[in-house]
Amino acid sequence: MKQLFFVVVGIAIGFAVAHQVAQTSGGAGLFADVNAMTKAFTGAVADGYRSREAELRTDV
């Protein structure tokens, strides 16, 4: 139970720090870059999934 408490406190502190960093221009740029990279990655994964699904459908 004690470990769960520390995990929750750590998450809360992380969110608070991220919120403060996002208020700065450099932090906002950092989060925008991370968001763009995440969207590019998830888009590539989705494209690969659709491509593989199309391959499997044509093989049947």
C-alpha atoms as a PDB file:
ATOM      1  CA  MET A   1       0.000   0.000   0.000  1.00  0.00           C
ATOM      2  CA  LYS A   2       2.897   2.299   0.795  1.00  0.00           C
ATOM      3  CA  GLN A   3       4.401   1.685  -2.639  1.00  0.00           C
ATOM      4  CA  LEU A   4       1.114   2.532  -4.345  1.00  0.00           C
ATOM      5  CA  PHE A   5       1.001   5.797  -2.402  1.00  0.00           C
ATOM      6  CA  PHE A   6       4.477   6.733  -3.649  1.00  0.00           C
ATOM      7  CA  VAL A   7       3.563   5.853  -7.220  1.00  0.00           C
ATOM      8  CA  VAL A   8       0.466   8.064  -7.050  1.00  0.00           C
ATOM      9  CA  VAL A   9       2.439  10.910  -5.461  1.00  0.00           C
ATOM     10  CA  GLY A  10       5.126  10.560  -8.147  1.00  0.00           C
ATOM     11  CA  ILE A  11       2.555  10.705 -10.921  1.00  0.00           C
ATOM     12  CA  ALA A  12       0.940  13.784  -9.381  1.00  0.00           C
ATOM     13  CA  ILE A  13       4.298  15.535  -9.061  1.00  0.00           C
ATOM     14  CA  GLY A  14       5.136  14.596 -12.652  1.00  0.00           C
ATOM     15  CA  PHE A  15       1.898  16.113 -13.922  1.00  0.00           C
ATOM     16  CA  ALA A  16       2.470  19.274 -11.884  1.00  0.00           C
ATOM     17  CA  VAL A  17       6.009  19.678 -13.214  1.00  0.00           C
ATOM     18  CA  ALA A  18       4.883  18.987 -16.797  1.00  0.00           C
ATOM     19  CA  HIS A  19       2.166  21.613 -16.428  1.00  0.00           C
ATOM     20  CA  GLN A  20       4.687  24.196 -15.210  1.00  0.00           C
ATOM     21  CA  VAL A  21       7.124  23.339 -18.022  1.00  0.00           C
ATOM     22  CA  ALA A  22       4.337  23.595 -20.617  1.00  0.00           C
ATOM     23  CA  GLN A  23       3.720  27.196 -19.520  1.00  0.00           C
ATOM     24  CA  THR A  24       7.142  28.265 -20.856  1.00  0.00           C
ATOM     25  CA  SER A  25       7.774  28.814 -24.553  1.00  0.00           C
ATOM     26  CA  GLY A  26      10.545  26.220 -24.626  1.00  0.00           C
ATOM     27  CA  GLY A  27       8.383  23.689 -22.825  1.00  0.00           C
ATOM     28  CA  ALA A  28       5.475  24.289 -25.174  1.00  0.00           C
ATOM     29  CA  GLY A  29       7.824  23.701 -28.106  1.00  0.00           C
ATOM     30  CA  LEU A  30       9.130  20.526 -26.506  1.00  0.00           C
ATOM     31  CA  PHE A  31       5.643  19.131 -25.985  1.00  0.00           C
ATOM     32  CA  ALA A  32       4.649  20.136 -29.538  1.00  0.00           C
ATOM     33  CA  ASP A  33       7.661  18.220 -30.898  1.00  0.00           C
ATOM     34  CA  VAL A  34       6.862  15.176 -28.772  1.00  0.00           C
ATOM     35  CA  ASN A  35       3.244  15.321 -29.919  1.00  0.00           C
ATOM     36  CA  ALA A  36       4.285  15.511 -33.583  1.00  0.00           C
ATOM     37  CA  MET A  37       6.668  12.563 -33.218  1.00  0.00           C
ATOM     38  CA  THR A  38       3.997  10.525 -31.438  1.00  0.00           C
ATOM     39  CA  LYS A  39       1.459  11.234 -34.189  1.00  0.00           C
ATOM     40  CA  ALA A  40       4.006  10.275 -36.861  1.00  0.00           C
ATOM     41  CA  PHE A  41       4.803   7.018 -35.062  1.00  0.00           C
ATOM     42  CA  THR A  42       1.166   6.044 -34.533  1.00  0.00           C
ATOM     43  CA  GLY A  43       0.424   6.914 -38.156  1.00  0.00           C
ATOM     44  CA  ALA A  44       3.243   4.647 -39.337  1.00  0.00           C
ATOM     45  CA  VAL A  45       2.010   1.814 -37.125  1.00  0.00           C
ATOM     46  CA  ALA A  46      -1.546   2.226 -38.446  1.00  0.00           C
ATOM     47  CA  ASP A  47      -0.312   2.277 -42.060  1.00  0.00           C
ATOM     48  CA  GLY A  48       1.729  -0.874 -41.475  1.00  0.00           C
ATOM     49  CA  TYR A  49      -1.265  -2.579 -39.896  1.00  0.00           C
ATOM     50  CA  ARG A  50      -3.518  -1.668 -42.822  1.00  0.00           C
ATOM     51  CA  SER A  51      -0.880  -2.795 -45.310  1.00  0.00           C
ATOM     52  CA  ARG A  52      -0.408  -6.154 -43.613  1.00  0.00           C
ATOM     53  CA  GLU A  53      -4.158  -6.629 -43.289  1.00  0.00           C
ATOM     54  CA  ALA A  54      -4.534  -5.982 -47.034  1.00  0.00           C
ATOM     55  CA  GLU A  55      -1.802  -8.532 -47.765  1.00  0.00           C
ATOM     56  CA  LEU A  56      -3.519 -11.146 -45.648  1.00  0.00           C
ATOM     57  CA  ARG A  57      -6.891 -10.497 -47.299  1.00  0.00           C
ATOM     58  CA  THR A  58      -5.451 -10.965 -50.799  1.00  0.00           C
ATOM     59  CA  ASP A  59      -3.740 -14.233 -49.792  1.00  0.00           C
ATOM     60  CA  VAL A  60      -7.010 -15.846 -48.722  1.00  0.00           C
END
